Amino acid sequence: MTTYWCEWAWLPSGPQPDVRFDVDGGRITAVAVGVPAGDAERLPGMVLPGLANAHSHAFHRALRGWHTGARGTFWTWREQMYQVAEALDPDSYYQLARGVYAEMALAGITCVGEFHYLHHAENGARYADPNAMGEALVQAARDAGIRITLLDTCYLAGGFGRGLEGVQLRFSDRDAAGWAARVGEFTVDGDGIRLGAAVHSVRAVPSEQIPDVVDWARRKPLHVHLSEQRAENDACLAAHGCTPTQLLESRGVLGPDTTAVHATHLAADDVALLGGSGTGVCLCPTTEADLADGIGPAPALRAAGSGLSIGSDGHSVIDPFAEVQAIESYQRLDAETRGHFSAGELLDAAAESGHRSLGWTDAGRLEVGARADFVAIDVGSTRLAGTEPGAVPAVARADDVREVIVDGQRIVRDRAHCAVDAARELRDSINDLRKPR
């Protein structure tokens, strides 16, 4: 058993001073408030529960700082993303992802949802192990010390009524039955791994095949890109006479085990369908800003009944604090009023609600029985000088994270990852990917 003492800790009741945690077997076994440190190991500053990144595409990290000043839209950016996808194999993907997940750990992220659709080799040829790319991601997360929910993604079409072309062939299993057969061969090995599913989008999975994915994913996390772009909405209306949300509802996708990612351009009826079904929504505001997607109706979704989580998506930034703060700040810009979300509500989106969307109902809160995930924030930094304890989630940034413990195991000490040189790993892998081929 290990005992930790915190100057401040964010308990389910809110921030409390002088908190001691007993940890055994990776779980919190006792919590005491208002007690001296004694001989317990001290965690400095404000200790938060572990944070969850509910939406990641690890290979997108290679695009950060690439063609930053170029004019264009999501669709022109996508062509750059395809160039990176073409260059990866299981070994290079493992190296890149290990650096990405270590960067997440340094930001206080203890669990990642990897929306994984880069499945196969060139022209869609199968690797000897058909899940080699997914295995590389799982091993990368394990070596970086964070948990992972691998959201194996069905991707079958290049758009409504369009076939696949180019690098998209690497994403496809030809049909939903082939996707399910491949995913069924994936072996989950270890307590830190969950296997879920994803429908890439209504444009990438023909509507008649969506129910097959839903059936396979029963009682597992199921994620889907939804209405990130107005063009997707327009194309869906032209092809099916309904919005993407309405199409998903008609195919049985919506429900409490499902998370819609982005949900940026929604009609009022769409918001009601999502909230009324208990479907969660994962917001990725730094990516949505980077790609000029737009601002989603976060307060309306919350009011309708959708739990909110956050993701770093394209990894233009890996900073869960920046994500939740952007949720609030973008609403202020849109509505010209302040105070849409409290600091506690922002923390919930980054912690407990995010873990729940990934199938981890025992994480994201500091209480007896929960996983022993601790994120210690340096409240003595210049940025946080004079900040009230209850405001920390609304003010801190990733570089204020000082210590990170996952399932009782320390993975970040004094702002350095204990096992991975994240900067070197990212630099080497990204430079290699950008070499002309």
Foldseek 3Di string as FASTA:
>chain_A
DAKEWEQWEQFPVGIAGTKMFDADQQFTADIDGPDDCPPHHYFYAYKFFFFEFQEAAQQLQLCQPPVLVDDDFLVVVVVVSLLLLQLDDLVLLLLSLLLVLLLLVLLRHQEYEYADQQQDHFLQDADPLSRSNVVSNCVSNVLLRHAYAYALEAFAAPFVVHHDDGSSSSRHLNALVSSLVSVVVDDDDDPRYHYAHEHAFCGGHPLVRVLSNVVSRVVAAYEYEACLAVVNQVRCCVRPVHGRLVSCVVSPQAALSYEYEQQADDDLVSLLSNQVRQHAYEYQVVVSVSRVRHQHPVLSNVVSHHQYAYHPYSPNDSKLLVRLLSNQVVVCVVVVDHDSDFLVSSLCRGFQSSCVSRPQNQGRRDDGRHRPWIWRFQCVDPQNVPPDSRCCSNGDISNRTQWIAGSNRTQHHRSRGPRDPSVVSNVVSSVVSPDDD
